[in-house]
Structure formats: structure tokens, C-alpha cells
Protein backbone atom coordinates (compact mmCIF):
# COMPACT_ATOMS: atom_id res chain seq x y z
CA MET A 1 -138.19 -51.71 -207.44
CA SER A 2 -137.67 -55.12 -208.94
CA ARG A 3 -134.94 -54.91 -211.89
CA GLU A 4 -132.30 -56.31 -213.22
CA HIS A 5 -128.87 -55.33 -212.68
CA ASP A 6 -125.79 -55.86 -215.08
CA SER A 7 -123.04 -57.86 -213.29
CA ALA A 8 -119.99 -55.35 -214.21
CA GLN A 9 -122.26 -52.43 -212.72
CA GLU A 10 -123.28 -52.88 -209.31
CA PRO A 11 -125.60 -50.40 -207.93
CA THR A 12 -123.90 -47.98 -205.31
CA GLU A 13 -125.56 -44.87 -205.99
CA PRO A 14 -128.50 -43.96 -204.16
CA PRO A 15 -131.63 -42.98 -205.46
CA GLY A 16 -132.84 -39.60 -206.97
CA GLU A 17 -135.46 -37.72 -206.48
CA ARG A 18 -137.17 -38.69 -209.72
CA LYS A 19 -136.74 -42.06 -208.86
CA LEU A 20 -138.31 -41.33 -205.71
CA ARG A 21 -141.50 -39.81 -206.66
CA GLN A 22 -141.68 -42.41 -209.80
CA SER A 23 -141.49 -45.13 -206.92
CA ARG A 24 -144.37 -43.71 -204.85
CA ALA A 25 -146.40 -43.10 -208.24
CA GLU A 26 -146.08 -47.22 -209.02
CA GLY A 27 -147.13 -47.39 -204.90
CA GLN A 28 -144.29 -48.78 -204.20
CA VAL A 29 -143.05 -47.57 -200.44
CA PRO A 30 -141.61 -49.67 -197.63
CA ARG A 31 -144.91 -51.38 -195.50
CA SER A 32 -144.73 -53.14 -193.06
CA LYS A 33 -147.86 -56.01 -192.71
CA GLU A 34 -147.38 -56.64 -189.19
CA LEU A 35 -147.35 -52.98 -187.76
CA VAL A 36 -150.64 -52.62 -189.69
CA MET A 37 -151.95 -55.69 -188.14
CA ALA A 38 -150.71 -54.66 -184.57
CA LEU A 39 -152.23 -51.28 -184.62
CA GLN A 40 -155.66 -53.24 -186.19
CA LEU A 41 -155.50 -55.60 -183.28
CA LEU A 42 -155.43 -52.92 -180.61
CA ALA A 43 -158.53 -50.92 -182.42
CA PHE A 44 -160.56 -54.07 -181.94
CA SER A 45 -159.56 -54.09 -178.26
CA PHE A 46 -160.74 -50.58 -177.79
CA PHE A 47 -163.68 -51.04 -179.62
CA LEU A 48 -164.41 -53.86 -177.61
CA LEU A 49 -163.82 -52.46 -174.20
CA ILE A 50 -165.98 -48.84 -175.52
CA ILE A 51 -169.02 -51.60 -176.12
CA GLY A 52 -168.69 -53.28 -173.60
CA PRO A 53 -171.37 -52.21 -171.20
CA SER A 54 -174.01 -52.87 -173.62
CA ALA A 55 -172.44 -55.76 -176.10
CA PRO A 56 -173.65 -58.35 -173.18
CA ASP A 57 -177.30 -57.48 -173.72
CA SER A 58 -177.49 -57.22 -177.25
CA LEU A 59 -175.79 -60.72 -178.09
CA VAL A 60 -178.37 -62.28 -175.59
CA GLN A 61 -181.07 -60.72 -177.24
CA LEU A 62 -179.54 -61.32 -180.46
CA CYS A 63 -179.87 -65.01 -179.25
CA ARG A 64 -182.83 -65.25 -177.70
CA LEU A 65 -184.53 -64.20 -181.75
CA THR A 66 -182.31 -65.79 -183.46
CA LEU A 67 -182.57 -69.69 -181.84
CA GLY A 68 -185.79 -69.42 -179.78
CA MET A 69 -188.64 -69.68 -181.80
CA HIS A 70 -191.91 -71.11 -181.17
CA PRO A 71 -192.95 -73.06 -183.92
CA ALA A 72 -195.87 -71.21 -184.74
CA GLU A 73 -193.59 -68.02 -185.21
CA ILE A 74 -191.94 -69.77 -188.10
CA VAL A 75 -194.71 -69.90 -190.55
CA ASP A 76 -195.74 -66.08 -189.47
CA ALA A 77 -193.95 -63.99 -192.01
CA SER A 78 -194.36 -60.58 -190.96
CA TYR A 79 -192.82 -61.65 -187.19
CA MET A 80 -189.91 -63.45 -188.88
CA ILE A 81 -189.58 -60.07 -190.95
CA SER A 82 -189.09 -57.55 -187.95
CA ARG A 83 -186.55 -60.52 -186.30
CA LEU A 84 -184.58 -59.88 -189.56
CA GLN A 85 -184.69 -56.21 -189.09
CA PHE A 86 -183.76 -56.31 -185.31
CA SER A 87 -180.77 -59.12 -186.27
CA GLY A 88 -179.09 -57.27 -188.59
CA SER A 89 -179.87 -53.45 -187.09
CA VAL A 90 -177.25 -55.45 -184.27
CA ILE A 91 -174.97 -56.72 -186.46
CA VAL A 92 -174.72 -53.94 -188.61
CA GLY A 93 -174.65 -51.46 -185.65
CA PHE A 94 -171.86 -53.62 -184.57
CA ALA A 95 -169.81 -54.18 -187.86
CA LEU A 96 -169.69 -50.68 -189.38
CA PRO A 97 -167.68 -49.00 -185.78
CA LEU A 98 -165.65 -51.99 -185.98
CA LEU A 99 -165.26 -51.28 -189.79
CA ALA A 100 -164.74 -47.70 -189.59
CA ILE A 101 -161.51 -47.89 -186.44
CA ILE A 102 -160.07 -51.13 -188.13
CA THR A 103 -159.36 -48.69 -191.82
CA VAL A 104 -158.32 -45.49 -189.51
CA ALA A 105 -156.06 -48.39 -187.47
CA ALA A 106 -154.25 -49.57 -191.26
CA ILE A 107 -154.25 -46.25 -192.42
CA VAL A 108 -152.38 -44.73 -189.07
CA GLY A 109 -149.70 -48.07 -189.61
CA SER A 110 -149.74 -46.94 -193.54
CA LEU A 111 -148.59 -43.20 -192.46
CA MET A 112 -146.26 -44.62 -189.78
CA THR A 113 -144.00 -46.24 -192.65
CA GLY A 114 -144.75 -45.25 -196.17
CA GLY A 115 -147.31 -43.20 -196.40
CA LEU A 116 -150.77 -43.26 -197.95
CA ILE A 117 -150.33 -44.03 -201.42
CA LEU A 118 -153.59 -44.62 -203.54
CA SER A 119 -152.08 -45.83 -206.56
CA LEU A 120 -153.98 -48.19 -209.84
CA LYS A 121 -150.34 -49.36 -210.80
CA ALA A 122 -149.62 -51.54 -207.77
CA ALA A 123 -152.96 -53.06 -208.33
CA ARG A 124 -151.90 -53.97 -211.86
CA PRO A 125 -150.97 -57.58 -213.06
CA LYS A 126 -147.40 -57.70 -213.32
CA TRP A 127 -146.69 -60.50 -215.69
CA GLU A 128 -143.11 -61.02 -215.29
CA ARG A 129 -143.77 -62.73 -211.96
CA LEU A 130 -144.74 -65.80 -214.01
CA ASN A 131 -141.65 -66.17 -215.32
CA PRO A 132 -140.13 -69.34 -213.67
CA ILE A 133 -136.83 -68.37 -214.06
CA ALA A 134 -137.10 -64.74 -212.52
CA GLY A 135 -139.35 -66.74 -209.62
CA LEU A 136 -136.42 -69.27 -208.98
CA LYS A 137 -134.22 -66.37 -208.77
CA ARG A 138 -136.44 -64.70 -206.12
CA LEU A 139 -136.86 -68.26 -203.94
CA MET A 140 -132.79 -67.77 -203.35
CA SER A 141 -133.07 -64.14 -202.50
CA LEU A 142 -132.24 -62.30 -199.24
CA GLN A 143 -135.79 -61.22 -198.99
CA THR A 144 -137.06 -64.55 -198.93
CA LEU A 145 -134.78 -65.31 -196.25
CA ALA A 146 -135.58 -62.45 -194.43
CA GLU A 147 -139.45 -63.48 -195.20
CA LEU A 148 -138.38 -66.87 -193.63
CA VAL A 149 -136.97 -66.06 -190.68
CA LYS A 150 -139.90 -63.29 -190.06
CA ALA A 151 -142.14 -66.35 -190.48
CA ILE A 152 -140.63 -68.71 -188.35
CA LEU A 153 -140.23 -65.56 -185.42
CA LYS A 154 -144.09 -65.05 -185.74
CA THR A 155 -143.98 -68.75 -185.38
CA VAL A 156 -141.98 -69.31 -182.29
CA VAL A 157 -143.49 -65.93 -180.57
CA PHE A 158 -147.30 -66.73 -181.05
CA SER A 159 -146.83 -70.04 -180.12
CA LEU A 160 -146.14 -68.78 -176.91
CA ILE A 161 -148.33 -66.67 -176.56
CA LEU A 162 -151.06 -68.85 -176.89
CA PHE A 163 -149.31 -71.05 -174.95
CA LEU A 164 -149.11 -68.44 -171.93
CA PHE A 165 -152.33 -67.19 -172.55
CA MET A 166 -153.93 -70.58 -172.12
CA ARG A 167 -152.07 -71.70 -169.40
CA HIS A 168 -153.67 -69.09 -167.48
CA LYS A 169 -157.19 -68.02 -168.50
CA LEU A 170 -158.14 -72.02 -169.44
CA PRO A 171 -160.09 -72.32 -166.30
CA THR A 172 -161.39 -69.14 -166.50
CA MET A 173 -162.70 -70.04 -169.98
CA MET A 174 -164.10 -73.47 -168.94
CA ALA A 175 -165.76 -71.87 -165.70
CA ALA A 176 -167.50 -69.32 -168.16
CA GLY A 177 -169.36 -72.76 -169.79
CA GLN A 178 -171.49 -72.92 -166.74
CA GLN A 179 -172.40 -69.73 -166.15
CA ASP A 180 -175.78 -67.80 -167.45
CA PRO A 181 -175.63 -66.19 -171.08
CA ARG A 182 -175.14 -62.55 -169.96
CA PRO A 183 -172.53 -63.27 -167.27
CA ALA A 184 -170.46 -65.70 -169.80
CA ILE A 185 -170.42 -62.96 -172.73
CA GLU A 186 -169.08 -60.45 -170.18
CA VAL A 187 -165.91 -63.04 -169.35
CA LEU A 188 -165.57 -63.78 -172.42
CA GLN A 189 -165.35 -60.46 -174.10
CA THR A 190 -162.81 -59.82 -171.35
CA LEU A 191 -160.94 -62.90 -172.69
CA VAL A 192 -160.86 -61.47 -176.24
CA VAL A 193 -159.90 -58.24 -175.34
CA ASN A 194 -157.00 -59.88 -173.44
CA ALA A 195 -156.19 -62.05 -176.44
CA MET A 196 -156.19 -59.19 -179.09
CA VAL A 197 -153.62 -56.98 -176.80
CA CYS A 198 -151.25 -60.12 -176.29
CA PHE A 199 -151.11 -60.29 -179.69
CA SER A 200 -151.51 -57.23 -181.03
CA LEU A 201 -148.01 -56.71 -178.52
CA GLY A 202 -146.37 -59.86 -180.09
CA PHE A 203 -147.11 -58.54 -183.91
CA LEU A 204 -145.84 -54.70 -182.84
CA VAL A 205 -142.87 -56.44 -181.80
CA ILE A 206 -142.42 -58.08 -184.76
CA GLY A 207 -143.64 -54.79 -186.97
CA LEU A 208 -141.02 -52.67 -184.74
CA LEU A 209 -138.07 -54.83 -185.88
CA ASP A 210 -139.33 -55.35 -189.92
CA VAL A 211 -139.72 -51.43 -190.12
CA PRO A 212 -135.94 -51.03 -190.79
CA TRP A 213 -135.64 -54.06 -192.63
CA GLN A 214 -138.16 -52.79 -194.81
CA ILE A 215 -136.96 -49.36 -195.61
CA TYR A 216 -133.59 -50.83 -196.01
CA ARG A 217 -134.76 -53.38 -198.77
CA HIS A 218 -136.86 -50.59 -200.24
CA ASN A 219 -133.97 -48.21 -200.52
CA ARG A 220 -131.68 -51.07 -201.73
CA GLN A 221 -133.88 -52.08 -204.28
CA LEU A 222 -133.99 -48.43 -205.79
CA MET A 223 -130.33 -48.03 -205.39
CA MET A 224 -129.42 -47.44 -208.91
CA THR A 225 -125.64 -47.66 -211.23
CA LYS A 226 -123.38 -44.48 -211.77
CA GLN A 227 -124.61 -44.55 -215.18
CA GLU A 228 -128.20 -44.81 -213.90
CA ALA A 229 -127.61 -41.92 -212.07
CA LYS A 230 -125.72 -39.97 -214.88
CA GLU A 231 -128.85 -40.27 -216.59
CA GLY A 232 -131.53 -39.28 -213.66
CA HIS A 233 -129.43 -36.97 -213.32
CA LYS A 234 -129.37 -35.20 -216.74
CA GLU A 235 -133.03 -36.28 -216.98
CA GLU A 236 -133.88 -34.01 -213.57
CA GLU A 237 -131.64 -31.11 -214.76
CA GLY A 238 -131.44 -31.00 -218.40
CA SER A 239 -127.60 -31.96 -219.88
CA GLN A 240 -125.55 -28.58 -219.90
CA GLU A 241 -126.13 -28.15 -223.77
CA THR A 242 -130.00 -27.30 -223.04
CA LYS A 243 -129.46 -24.86 -219.86
CA GLU A 244 -126.71 -22.93 -221.65
CA ARG A 245 -129.14 -23.15 -224.84
CA ILE A 246 -132.10 -21.97 -222.42
CA LYS A 247 -130.02 -19.37 -220.55
CA ARG A 248 -128.92 -18.01 -223.76
CA VAL A 249 -132.77 -17.60 -225.55
CA ARG A 250 -133.39 -16.24 -221.97
CA LYS A 251 -130.97 -13.75 -222.21
CA GLU A 252 -132.08 -12.89 -225.89
CA GLN A 253 -135.14 -12.11 -225.03
CA SER A 254 -134.50 -10.21 -222.24
CA ASN A 255 -132.26 -8.05 -224.22
CA ARG A 256 -134.77 -7.84 -226.46
CA ARG A 257 -137.39 -6.30 -224.97
CA MET A 258 -134.92 -3.89 -223.16
CA LEU A 259 -133.59 -2.34 -226.18
CA GLN A 260 -137.46 -2.00 -227.60
CA VAL A 261 -137.82 0.66 -224.36
CA VAL A 262 -134.11 2.52 -225.22
CA PRO A 263 -136.25 5.21 -227.50
CA ASP A 264 -138.42 6.06 -224.68
CA ALA A 265 -135.10 7.61 -222.47
CA ASP A 266 -134.15 11.02 -221.51
CA VAL A 267 -130.80 10.61 -221.30
CA ILE A 268 -128.24 7.58 -222.42
CA ILE A 269 -124.58 8.16 -221.15
CA THR A 270 -121.76 5.69 -222.33
CA ASN A 271 -118.11 4.49 -221.39
CA PRO A 272 -118.09 5.77 -224.38
CA ASP A 273 -117.27 2.08 -225.94
CA HIS A 274 -118.09 -0.39 -223.60
CA ILE A 275 -120.94 0.07 -221.52
CA ALA A 276 -124.13 2.08 -222.30
CA ILE A 277 -126.83 3.08 -220.05
CA ALA A 278 -130.37 4.42 -220.48
CA LEU A 279 -132.25 6.80 -218.00
CA ARG A 280 -135.86 8.11 -217.89
CA TYR A 281 -137.09 10.89 -215.48
CA ASP A 282 -140.27 11.68 -215.37
CA PRO A 283 -141.21 13.75 -212.04
CA PHE A 284 -144.65 14.96 -212.94
CA SER A 285 -145.94 11.01 -213.83
CA LYS A 286 -147.41 9.80 -210.49
CA LYS A 287 -146.96 6.08 -211.87
CA ARG A 288 -142.98 6.52 -211.10
CA GLN A 289 -141.03 7.31 -208.27
CA SER A 290 -139.32 10.75 -207.93
CA ALA A 291 -135.73 9.70 -209.15
CA PRO A 292 -134.22 8.60 -212.55
CA ILE A 293 -135.06 5.27 -213.75
CA LEU A 294 -132.43 2.80 -215.51
CA ILE A 295 -134.89 1.38 -218.18
CA ALA A 296 -131.89 -0.18 -219.92
CA LYS A 297 -128.03 -1.13 -220.09
CA GLY A 298 -125.59 -3.34 -221.47
CA SER A 299 -122.04 -3.62 -222.50
CA ASP A 300 -119.80 -4.26 -225.46
CA LEU A 301 -121.89 -5.19 -228.45
CA ILE A 302 -125.50 -4.22 -226.46
CA ALA A 303 -124.23 -1.24 -225.90
CA GLU A 304 -123.23 -0.27 -229.03
CA LYS A 305 -127.23 -1.36 -230.16
CA ILE A 306 -128.80 0.73 -227.34
CA VAL A 307 -126.27 4.30 -228.85
CA GLU A 308 -127.81 3.33 -232.24
CA ILE A 309 -130.98 3.00 -231.17
CA ALA A 310 -130.74 6.16 -229.26
CA LYS A 311 -129.34 7.90 -232.11
CA LYS A 312 -131.91 6.81 -234.28
CA SER A 313 -134.77 8.18 -231.88
CA GLY A 314 -132.69 10.88 -231.48
CA LYS A 315 -131.95 11.05 -227.71
CA PRO A 316 -128.84 12.38 -226.45
CA VAL A 317 -125.90 10.31 -225.49
CA ILE A 318 -123.51 11.69 -223.26
CA CYS A 319 -119.98 10.55 -222.33
CA GLN A 320 -119.71 10.08 -218.69
CA PRO A 321 -117.39 7.08 -218.23
CA PRO A 322 -117.19 7.47 -214.03
CA LEU A 323 -121.01 7.98 -214.01
CA ALA A 324 -121.94 4.92 -216.46
CA ARG A 325 -119.59 2.57 -214.82
CA ALA A 326 -121.22 3.72 -211.50
CA VAL A 327 -124.66 3.33 -212.18
CA PHE A 328 -123.99 0.00 -214.51
CA TYR A 329 -122.34 -1.91 -211.63
CA ASN A 330 -125.06 -0.60 -209.01
CA VAL A 331 -128.47 -0.41 -210.48
CA GLU A 332 -130.69 -2.88 -212.18
CA ILE A 333 -132.78 -2.37 -214.89
CA ASP A 334 -136.33 -1.18 -213.89
CA HIS A 335 -134.72 0.36 -209.99
CA PRO A 336 -134.48 3.59 -209.78
CA ILE A 337 -131.19 5.42 -209.22
CA PRO A 338 -129.82 5.53 -205.40
CA ALA A 339 -129.56 8.53 -203.53
CA GLY A 340 -125.83 8.98 -203.62
CA LEU A 341 -125.74 9.26 -207.18
CA TYR A 342 -128.31 12.22 -207.26
CA THR A 343 -126.09 14.74 -208.21
CA ALA A 344 -124.36 13.50 -210.26
CA VAL A 345 -127.78 12.55 -212.42
CA ALA A 346 -128.86 16.12 -211.69
CA ARG A 347 -126.28 17.30 -212.95
CA VAL A 348 -126.42 15.01 -216.79
CA MET A 349 -130.36 16.03 -216.41
CA ALA A 350 -129.40 19.96 -216.20
CA TYR A 351 -126.91 19.63 -219.29
CA VAL A 352 -129.62 17.86 -221.24
CA TYR A 353 -131.79 19.95 -220.37
CA LEU A 354 -129.49 23.02 -221.48
CA LEU A 355 -128.45 21.00 -224.16
CA ASN A 356 -132.09 20.33 -225.87
CA ASN A 357 -132.57 24.65 -225.39
CA TYR A 358 -129.55 25.43 -227.61
CA LEU A 359 -130.79 22.74 -230.27
CA ALA A 360 -133.82 24.57 -230.17
CA LYS A 361 -132.85 28.26 -230.54
CA ARG A 362 -129.25 27.87 -231.89
CA GLN A 363 -128.40 31.29 -230.07
CA GLY A 364 -125.36 31.46 -228.08
CA GLU A 365 -122.50 29.69 -226.92
CA PRO A 366 -123.58 25.69 -226.66
CA PRO A 367 -123.49 24.28 -223.09
CA SER A 368 -120.52 21.95 -222.14
CA MET A 369 -119.66 18.89 -219.98
CA MET A 370 -117.39 18.91 -217.47
CA ASP A 371 -116.28 15.40 -215.67
CA ILE A 372 -118.62 14.54 -212.96
CA PRO A 373 -117.51 13.23 -209.59
CA ILE A 374 -118.63 10.13 -208.16
CA PRO A 375 -119.09 8.82 -204.45
CA LYS A 376 -116.63 6.20 -203.45
CA GLN A 377 -119.22 3.91 -202.56
CA TYR A 378 -120.25 3.65 -206.42
CA GLN A 379 -116.65 4.50 -208.10
CA HIS A 380 -116.09 1.45 -210.56
CA GLU A 381 -112.96 0.79 -212.34
């Protein structure tokens, strides 16, 4: 991603996920044209090997139909149309599979480096490239030097390949000119395959050297200054104030929903001042578990609010600090009471049952509530 950096701040930070996604969306990924070309030439050679047995006969027949014509046939429109149709079918039958296999090779080459990217942004004209000052800077850049070195390397490699190929195959090529069309085409087909393989190997060598450079160059272009990295991190994660505000709003919404179900509780157990929990127990409901469910809990102001709502709703409020702490620290909201606390909660429920009977009849002595022992693994001071 080309951009101007402030000389006072050199890009030293690796790009973040957002910068990488933006780069891919704009179609800017590491690419090696030489690697793609190598695969396309290999695919072309493979295609010639596949059609090898049928290619000479088709080409000989095509040449005879297109080049060998009687004067009387030229003025016959129907005969010329039939020849044109046959020539077109031969050409299309050769060109379409070739185009398909070369396209597949280009896709594979793209997947081997930056992946397959379909982006219209990459095809848009970049008017900043028309800036002559920016153009002069690009001419003096490291990328231009790398491209120059690569061009010199390709010239040397391909000149050497061409020299060696012609040195060994020139007599064969000269002899093919003295042969009949079919064997001459077979020889030329073999020579083309050999030449394509040699040149593709040259492209492959250059491509394997070019891929690491393209990856390094791409990552270098995406490097950010410390300030850019800081701003990018804020955009990705959000500012600390925003996160705290979102967390606070979610907490308030959760508390509001929790307080709405306090009137449905069967008993409220308190610490008495700092902790309050609300339990609901309905052994006859098939939708709920047989164990009591913790439907609300809170400390300090939330605990006071739970107790206030419970009293307005006529729900019993029981002071049992050890049990309140055990449930508060060991059970999550909308979860059942663990088996280790069944006995303690059952004693509270029994007390609530006796208390409700006493309040309904107002006879005898009111029930009393003793401290309930809590298993050691659930105790919390």
C-alpha cells in the first residue's frame, strides 16, 4: 500500500488485522508474475502432450482445407461455409481447452502466493501515479532497483536457455523442413514442448527467488508508525472509555432484567447487608429442574434493591450469612443449587413453609431459624 511516511516517524510496527483486511479488499497482495508464467507454460506443455496423437492429423487436415483450394471451389458459397465451419471447430476445439488449463494454472499460481482476490478496487485508475514527482521517487526506489535486477536476470537466464536449446535442437529443426507435413508437425510439436518446459523451468527459478521478495516488499509497504498502530488498535478494539461504557451498559441491562424476576422468587437469603440471593423452587413444574434455581443475586446496592423488591412483593427475607455467601460465590444466575447445598437450602425452604403457615393461621409460637452449617468446600468468608 503505497503511502508517504513522515520522515520523523519511520514505519516499524507490523500491520494489524484491519490493515491486512483493507489491503486484501483493495486487491493488494504479494504476487509473482514469474511463478504464474512458469505454471502456465508447464500447463501449455502438458496440454500439448495430451493432444499429441491427434494434433498432427488435425493440423494437416486444417492446412489442406484452408490452403489447398480448387478455383471452382472458391466461388461455391456452400462449400466455403462448410470449410469455414470445420476450420472453426478445429480452432475452437484447440483453443478452449488450452484457455481453460492456462486459466487454472494462473489461479493455482495466485493461490500459492497471495491467494485468489476478486476486487474491483485494484482495477480502478490511480490518478496519483500521474504525479511526475511521485514518479521520479518511484524510479529511485528499492522496488525499481529490484525490478531492474530481475529483468537482467531474466535476460541472462532466457538467453542462456535459448542458446543451449538452439545449439542442440537446430539440426532437428532443419531436418523437419525436409519431411512430409505429418512427421514434420510431430517433430515441431516435440520441439515446442521441450522449449516450453525449458523456459518454464527458467521462470520457475526466477519465481521462487521472487516470491520471498514480493512477500517482504508487501509486508514492508504495510508497516505502520507507532502512532498509526495505536490508532489502528483503537479502531479495532475500541477505546478504553468506549469498552468501559459498553460493559457498564450491559451490566445495567443485565441487572435490570434480573431484578424483574425477583417477585417470582420463593425466598430471599441475605448476608444481611452486603449480599442477597433469590431462590425459586417449584418441584411440580416439568419445565424446571427439581433443585432450587438461583434467579437473582447481588451485593451492596443491588442486594439492597433485591431486598426492597422482595419486601414489596411479600417475599420472605431470611438472614443466613454463611448460606448467602456460599450460594453467591458458587452458583451462577439461572443455575440450580449444587447437591452439596441441598440440605442447607431445604432447611430454609422448610422454615419458609412453617413461617407461611404461621402467618396464615396466627396460632402457636412463630418458627425459629437457627444458623445452618455449610459444607467446608462451599464456605466463603
